């Protein structure tokens, strides 16, 4: 569990290198399932989310409230 945030958080960087945006509300380290979607970095859906860090150090996507 100590290194799991590193592996899960690096997914965001990895997708950005492929010109994609990772949208993930939870992962196996901080939720009961890994819930993810990958869209192109120019997709309008990517602009609807922000990346936050939870109390355990995991990055997650959160829809921006307007």
PDB file of N, CA and C in Angstrom:
ATOM      1  N   UNK A   1       0.812  -1.194   0.000  1.00  0.00           N
ATOM      2  CA  UNK A   1       0.000   0.000   0.000  1.00  0.00           C
ATOM      3  C   UNK A   1       0.864   1.269   0.000  1.00  0.00           C
ATOM      4  N   UNK A   2       2.093   1.171   0.429  1.00  0.00           N
ATOM      5  CA  UNK A   2       2.931   2.375   0.481  1.00  0.00           C
ATOM      6  C   UNK A   2       3.343   2.862  -0.902  1.00  0.00           C
ATOM      7  N   UNK A   3       3.509   1.958  -1.852  1.00  0.00           N
ATOM      8  CA  UNK A   3       3.928   2.363  -3.193  1.00  0.00           C
ATOM      9  C   UNK A   3       2.760   2.452  -4.173  1.00  0.00           C
ATOM     10  N   UNK A   4       1.592   1.986  -3.779  1.00  0.00           N
ATOM     11  CA  UNK A   4       0.447   1.990  -4.682  1.00  0.00           C
ATOM     12  C   UNK A   4       0.094   3.391  -5.184  1.00  0.00           C
ATOM     13  N   UNK A   5       0.104   4.442  -4.337  1.00  0.00           N
ATOM     14  CA  UNK A   5      -0.185   5.775  -4.883  1.00  0.00           C
ATOM     15  C   UNK A   5       0.779   6.178  -5.998  1.00  0.00           C
ATOM     16  N   UNK A   6       2.036   5.800  -5.895  1.00  0.00           N
ATOM     17  CA  UNK A   6       3.006   6.128  -6.933  1.00  0.00           C
ATOM     18  C   UNK A   6       2.613   5.487  -8.263  1.00  0.00           C
ATOM     19  N   UNK A   7       2.266   4.213  -8.229  1.00  0.00           N
ATOM     20  CA  UNK A   7       1.866   3.528  -9.456  1.00  0.00           C
ATOM     21  C   UNK A   7       0.583   4.118 -10.031  1.00  0.00           C
ATOM     22  N   UNK A   8      -0.408   4.310  -9.186  1.00  0.00           N
ATOM     23  CA  UNK A   8      -1.701   4.824  -9.659  1.00  0.00           C
ATOM     24  C   UNK A   8      -1.582   6.268 -10.136  1.00  0.00           C
ATOM     25  N   UNK A   9      -0.855   7.084  -9.411  1.00  0.00           N
ATOM     26  CA  UNK A   9      -0.719   8.487  -9.788  1.00  0.00           C
ATOM     27  C   UNK A   9       0.057   8.666 -11.085  1.00  0.00           C
ATOM     28  N   UNK A  10       0.987   7.768 -11.368  1.00  0.00           N
ATOM     29  CA  UNK A  10       1.769   7.892 -12.601  1.00  0.00           C
ATOM     30  C   UNK A  10       0.925   7.639 -13.844  1.00  0.00           C
ATOM     31  N   UNK A  11      -0.250   7.035 -13.692  1.00  0.00           N
ATOM     32  CA  UNK A  11      -1.149   6.832 -14.830  1.00  0.00           C
ATOM     33  C   UNK A  11      -1.548   8.169 -15.460  1.00  0.00           C
ATOM     34  N   UNK A  12      -1.715   9.207 -14.628  1.00  0.00           N
ATOM     35  CA  UNK A  12      -2.079  10.517 -15.159  1.00  0.00           C
ATOM     36  C   UNK A  12      -0.968  11.051 -16.066  1.00  0.00           C
ATOM     37  N   UNK A  13       0.263  10.927 -15.627  1.00  0.00           N
ATOM     38  CA  UNK A  13       1.394  11.374 -16.435  1.00  0.00           C
ATOM     39  C   UNK A  13       1.489  10.540 -17.716  1.00  0.00           C
ATOM     40  N   UNK A  14       1.347   9.233 -17.579  1.00  0.00           N
ATOM     41  CA  UNK A  14       1.457   8.346 -18.741  1.00  0.00           C
ATOM     42  C   UNK A  14       0.435   8.667 -19.821  1.00  0.00           C
ATOM     43  N   UNK A  15      -0.796   8.908 -19.439  1.00  0.00           N
ATOM     44  CA  UNK A  15      -1.830   9.254 -20.416  1.00  0.00           C
ATOM     45  C   UNK A  15      -1.526  10.598 -21.075  1.00  0.00           C
ATOM     46  N   UNK A  16      -0.982  11.544 -20.309  1.00  0.00           N
ATOM     47  CA  UNK A  16      -0.663  12.850 -20.894  1.00  0.00           C
ATOM     48  C   UNK A  16       0.421  12.721 -21.956  1.00  0.00           C
ATOM     49  N   UNK A  17       1.323  11.774 -21.811  1.00  0.00           N
ATOM     50  CA  UNK A  17       2.378  11.559 -22.792  1.00  0.00           C
ATOM     51  C   UNK A  17       1.839  10.969 -24.095  1.00  0.00           C
ATOM     52  N   UNK A  18       0.646  10.387 -24.022  1.00  0.00           N
ATOM     53  CA  UNK A  18      -0.020   9.830 -25.209  1.00  0.00           C
ATOM     54  C   UNK A  18      -1.073  10.795 -25.744  1.00  0.00           C
ATOM     55  N   UNK A  19      -1.021  12.051 -25.283  1.00  0.00           N
ATOM     56  CA  UNK A  19      -1.976  13.093 -25.660  1.00  0.00           C
ATOM     57  C   UNK A  19      -3.392  12.737 -25.242  1.00  0.00           C
ATOM     58  N   UNK A  20      -3.497  12.110 -24.087  1.00  0.00           N
ATOM     59  CA  UNK A  20      -4.787  11.757 -23.525  1.00  0.00           C
ATOM     60  C   UNK A  20      -4.959  12.376 -22.152  1.00  0.00           C
ATOM     61  N   UNK A  21      -6.168  12.298 -21.651  1.00  0.00           N
ATOM     62  CA  UNK A  21      -6.489  12.763 -20.305  1.00  0.00           C
ATOM     63  C   UNK A  21      -7.170  11.628 -19.570  1.00  0.00           C
ATOM     64  N   UNK A  22      -6.634  11.277 -18.417  1.00  0.00           N
ATOM     65  CA  UNK A  22      -7.217  10.226 -17.587  1.00  0.00           C
ATOM     66  C   UNK A  22      -8.252  10.840 -16.661  1.00  0.00           C
ATOM     67  N   UNK A  23      -9.448  10.309 -16.706  1.00  0.00           N
ATOM     68  CA  UNK A  23     -10.522  10.709 -15.799  1.00  0.00           C
ATOM     69  C   UNK A  23     -10.796   9.510 -14.902  1.00  0.00           C
ATOM     70  N   UNK A  24     -10.464   9.643 -13.632  1.00  0.00           N
ATOM     71  CA  UNK A  24     -10.619   8.505 -12.708  1.00  0.00           C
ATOM     72  C   UNK A  24     -11.042   9.037 -11.348  1.00  0.00           C
ATOM     73  N   UNK A  25     -12.218   8.589 -10.893  1.00  0.00           N
ATOM     74  CA  UNK A  25     -12.723   9.015  -9.592  1.00  0.00           C
ATOM     75  C   UNK A  25     -12.139   8.195  -8.459  1.00  0.00           C
ATOM     76  N   UNK A  26     -11.736   6.974  -8.750  1.00  0.00           N
ATOM     77  CA  UNK A  26     -11.171   6.116  -7.714  1.00  0.00           C
ATOM     78  C   UNK A  26     -10.307   5.036  -8.325  1.00  0.00           C
ATOM     79  N   UNK A  27      -9.465   4.455  -7.508  1.00  0.00           N
ATOM     80  CA  UNK A  27      -8.586   3.371  -7.941  1.00  0.00           C
ATOM     81  C   UNK A  27      -8.622   2.273  -6.885  1.00  0.00           C
ATOM     82  N   UNK A  28      -8.009   1.151  -7.162  1.00  0.00           N
ATOM     83  CA  UNK A  28      -8.062   0.026  -6.227  1.00  0.00           C
ATOM     84  C   UNK A  28      -7.407   0.347  -4.886  1.00  0.00           C
ATOM     85  N   UNK A  29      -6.634   1.411  -4.818  1.00  0.00           N
ATOM     86  CA  UNK A  29      -5.988   1.786  -3.567  1.00  0.00           C
ATOM     87  C   UNK A  29      -6.836   2.652  -2.656  1.00  0.00           C
ATOM     88  N   UNK A  30      -7.844   3.337  -3.221  1.00  0.00           N
ATOM     89  CA  UNK A  30      -8.654   4.222  -2.396  1.00  0.00           C
ATOM     90  C   UNK A  30     -10.160   4.070  -2.609  1.00  0.00           C
ATOM     91  N   UNK A  31     -10.558   3.061  -3.359  1.00  0.00           N
ATOM     92  CA  UNK A  31     -11.977   2.815  -3.623  1.00  0.00           C
ATOM     93  C   UNK A  31     -12.184   1.316  -3.820  1.00  0.00           C
ATOM     94  N   UNK A  32     -13.418   0.927  -3.995  1.00  0.00           N
ATOM     95  CA  UNK A  32     -13.700  -0.497  -4.175  1.00  0.00           C
ATOM     96  C   UNK A  32     -13.466  -0.978  -5.604  1.00  0.00           C
ATOM     97  N   UNK A  33     -13.175  -0.040  -6.518  1.00  0.00           N
ATOM     98  CA  UNK A  33     -12.872  -0.416  -7.904  1.00  0.00           C
ATOM     99  C   UNK A  33     -12.098   0.697  -8.584  1.00  0.00           C
ATOM    100  N   UNK A  34     -11.423   0.355  -9.647  1.00  0.00           N
ATOM    101  CA  UNK A  34     -10.713   1.336 -10.454  1.00  0.00           C
ATOM    102  C   UNK A  34     -11.683   1.820 -11.523  1.00  0.00           C
ATOM    103  N   UNK A  35     -12.101   3.059 -11.411  1.00  0.00           N
ATOM    104  CA  UNK A  35     -13.119   3.653 -12.266  1.00  0.00           C
ATOM    105  C   UNK A  35     -12.444   4.688 -13.156  1.00  0.00           C
ATOM    106  N   UNK A  36     -12.215   4.362 -14.416  1.00  0.00           N
ATOM    107  CA  UNK A  36     -11.469   5.289 -15.256  1.00  0.00           C
ATOM    108  C   UNK A  36     -12.038   5.405 -16.661  1.00  0.00           C
ATOM    109  N   UNK A  37     -11.701   6.510 -17.296  1.00  0.00           N
ATOM    110  CA  UNK A  37     -12.041   6.782 -18.683  1.00  0.00           C
ATOM    111  C   UNK A  37     -10.877   7.579 -19.249  1.00  0.00           C
ATOM    112  N   UNK A  38     -10.487   7.308 -20.469  1.00  0.00           N
ATOM    113  CA  UNK A  38      -9.423   8.059 -21.120  1.00  0.00           C
ATOM    114  C   UNK A  38     -10.020   8.758 -22.336  1.00  0.00           C
ATOM    115  N   UNK A  39      -9.794  10.067 -22.416  1.00  0.00           N
ATOM    116  CA  UNK A  39     -10.240  10.848 -23.565  1.00  0.00           C
ATOM    117  C   UNK A  39      -9.037  11.590 -24.129  1.00  0.00           C
ATOM    118  N   UNK A  40      -9.150  12.047 -25.347  1.00  0.00           N
ATOM    119  CA  UNK A  40      -8.079  12.834 -25.941  1.00  0.00           C
ATOM    120  C   UNK A  40      -7.900  14.148 -25.204  1.00  0.00           C
ATOM    121  N   UNK A  41      -6.685  14.636 -25.143  1.00  0.00           N
ATOM    122  CA  UNK A  41      -6.412  15.856 -24.391  1.00  0.00           C
ATOM    123  C   UNK A  41      -7.140  17.070 -24.959  1.00  0.00           C
ATOM    124  N   UNK A  42      -7.551  17.031 -26.209  1.00  0.00           N
ATOM    125  CA  UNK A  42      -8.303  18.129 -26.828  1.00  0.00           C
ATOM    126  C   UNK A  42      -9.814  17.938 -26.713  1.00  0.00           C
ATOM    127  N   UNK A  43     -10.255  16.837 -26.132  1.00  0.00           N
ATOM    128  CA  UNK A  43     -11.673  16.561 -25.961  1.00  0.00           C
ATOM    129  C   UNK A  43     -12.267  17.523 -24.942  1.00  0.00           C
ATOM    130  N   UNK A  44     -13.439  18.061 -25.210  1.00  0.00           N
ATOM    131  CA  UNK A  44     -14.069  19.014 -24.293  1.00  0.00           C
ATOM    132  C   UNK A  44     -14.372  18.392 -22.930  1.00  0.00           C
ATOM    133  N   UNK A  45     -14.537  17.094 -22.876  1.00  0.00           N
ATOM    134  CA  UNK A  45     -14.796  16.412 -21.601  1.00  0.00           C
ATOM    135  C   UNK A  45     -13.613  16.564 -20.643  1.00  0.00           C
ATOM    136  N   UNK A  46     -12.408  16.631 -21.180  1.00  0.00           N
ATOM    137  CA  UNK A  46     -11.204  16.773 -20.357  1.00  0.00           C
ATOM    138  C   UNK A  46     -11.223  18.083 -19.578  1.00  0.00           C
ATOM    139  N   UNK A  47     -11.815  19.113 -20.141  1.00  0.00           N
ATOM    140  CA  UNK A  47     -11.872  20.416 -19.484  1.00  0.00           C
ATOM    141  C   UNK A  47     -12.885  20.470 -18.353  1.00  0.00           C
ATOM    142  N   UNK A  48     -13.740  19.465 -18.258  1.00  0.00           N
ATOM    143  CA  UNK A  48     -14.790  19.448 -17.234  1.00  0.00           C
ATOM    144  C   UNK A  48     -14.306  18.892 -15.899  1.00  0.00           C
ATOM    145  N   UNK A  49     -13.056  18.416 -15.850  1.00  0.00           N
ATOM    146  CA  UNK A  49     -12.530  17.766 -14.648  1.00  0.00           C
ATOM    147  C   UNK A  49     -11.252  18.436 -14.178  1.00  0.00           C
ATOM    148  N   UNK A  50     -11.018  18.344 -12.879  1.00  0.00           N
ATOM    149  CA  UNK A  50      -9.764  18.780 -12.288  1.00  0.00           C
ATOM    150  C   UNK A  50      -9.169  17.608 -11.525  1.00  0.00           C
ATOM    151  N   UNK A  51      -7.877  17.646 -11.324  1.00  0.00           N
ATOM    152  CA  UNK A  51      -7.196  16.582 -10.584  1.00  0.00           C
ATOM    153  C   UNK A  51      -6.999  17.058  -9.154  1.00  0.00           C
ATOM    154  N   UNK A  52      -7.414  16.219  -8.220  1.00  0.00           N
ATOM    155  CA  UNK A  52      -7.251  16.516  -6.796  1.00  0.00           C
ATOM    156  C   UNK A  52      -6.436  15.406  -6.155  1.00  0.00           C
ATOM    157  N   UNK A  53      -5.911  15.653  -4.981  1.00  0.00           N
ATOM    158  CA  UNK A  53      -5.190  14.633  -4.221  1.00  0.00           C
ATOM    159  C   UNK A  53      -5.980  14.360  -2.950  1.00  0.00           C
ATOM    160  N   UNK A  54      -6.259  13.072  -2.675  1.00  0.00           N
ATOM    161  CA  UNK A  54      -7.007  12.742  -1.465  1.00  0.00           C
ATOM    162  C   UNK A  54      -6.073  12.637  -0.257  1.00  0.00           C
ATOM    163  N   UNK A  55      -6.634  12.365   0.896  1.00  0.00           N
ATOM    164  CA  UNK A  55      -5.858  12.336   2.135  1.00  0.00           C
ATOM    165  C   UNK A  55      -4.811  11.218   2.173  1.00  0.00           C
ATOM    166  N   UNK A  56      -4.987  10.193   1.336  1.00  0.00           N
ATOM    167  CA  UNK A  56      -4.014   9.099   1.285  1.00  0.00           C
ATOM    168  C   UNK A  56      -2.930   9.335   0.226  1.00  0.00           C
ATOM    169  N   UNK A  57      -3.022  10.452  -0.503  1.00  0.00           N
ATOM    170  CA  UNK A  57      -2.016  10.763  -1.507  1.00  0.00           C
ATOM    171  C   UNK A  57      -2.361  10.324  -2.921  1.00  0.00           C
ATOM    172  N   UNK A  58      -3.565   9.777  -3.124  1.00  0.00           N
ATOM    173  CA  UNK A  58      -3.982   9.344  -4.454  1.00  0.00           C
ATOM    174  C   UNK A  58      -4.537  10.516  -5.240  1.00  0.00           C
ATOM    175  N   UNK A  59      -4.178  10.607  -6.510  1.00  0.00           N
ATOM    176  CA  UNK A  59      -4.784  11.578  -7.401  1.00  0.00           C
ATOM    177  C   UNK A  59      -6.113  11.043  -7.887  1.00  0.00           C
ATOM    178  N   UNK A  60      -7.059  11.934  -8.041  1.00  0.00           N
ATOM    179  CA  UNK A  60      -8.389  11.550  -8.544  1.00  0.00           C
ATOM    180  C   UNK A  60      -8.937  12.695  -9.363  1.00  0.00           C
ATOM    181  N   UNK A  61      -9.860  12.384 -10.249  1.00  0.00           N
ATOM    182  CA  UNK A  61     -10.507  13.390 -11.074  1.00  0.00           C
ATOM    183  C   UNK A  61     -11.828  13.790 -10.408  1.00  0.00           C
ATOM    184  N   UNK A  62     -12.081  15.079 -10.418  1.00  0.00           N
ATOM    185  CA  UNK A  62     -13.337  15.574  -9.846  1.00  0.00           C
ATOM    186  C   UNK A  62     -13.949  16.538 -10.853  1.00  0.00           C
ATOM    187  N   UNK A  63     -15.234  16.342 -11.112  1.00  0.00           N
ATOM    188  CA  UNK A  63     -15.938  17.218 -12.043  1.00  0.00           C
ATOM    189  C   UNK A  63     -15.989  18.622 -11.456  1.00  0.00           C
ATOM    190  N   UNK A  64     -15.670  19.591 -12.271  1.00  0.00           N
ATOM    191  CA  UNK A  64     -15.689  20.986 -11.848  1.00  0.00           C
ATOM    192  C   UNK A  64     -17.146  21.455 -11.812  1.00  0.00           C
ATOM    193  N   UNK A  65     -17.556  21.955 -10.681  1.00  0.00           N
ATOM    194  CA  UNK A  65     -18.919  22.446 -10.547  1.00  0.00           C
ATOM    195  C   UNK A  65     -18.970  23.884 -11.027  1.00  0.00           C
ATOM    196  N   UNK A  66     -19.966  24.151 -11.822  1.00  0.00           N
ATOM    197  CA  UNK A  66     -20.091  25.495 -12.397  1.00  0.00           C
ATOM    198  C   UNK A  66     -21.177  26.269 -11.704  1.00  0.00           C
TER     199      UNK A  66
END
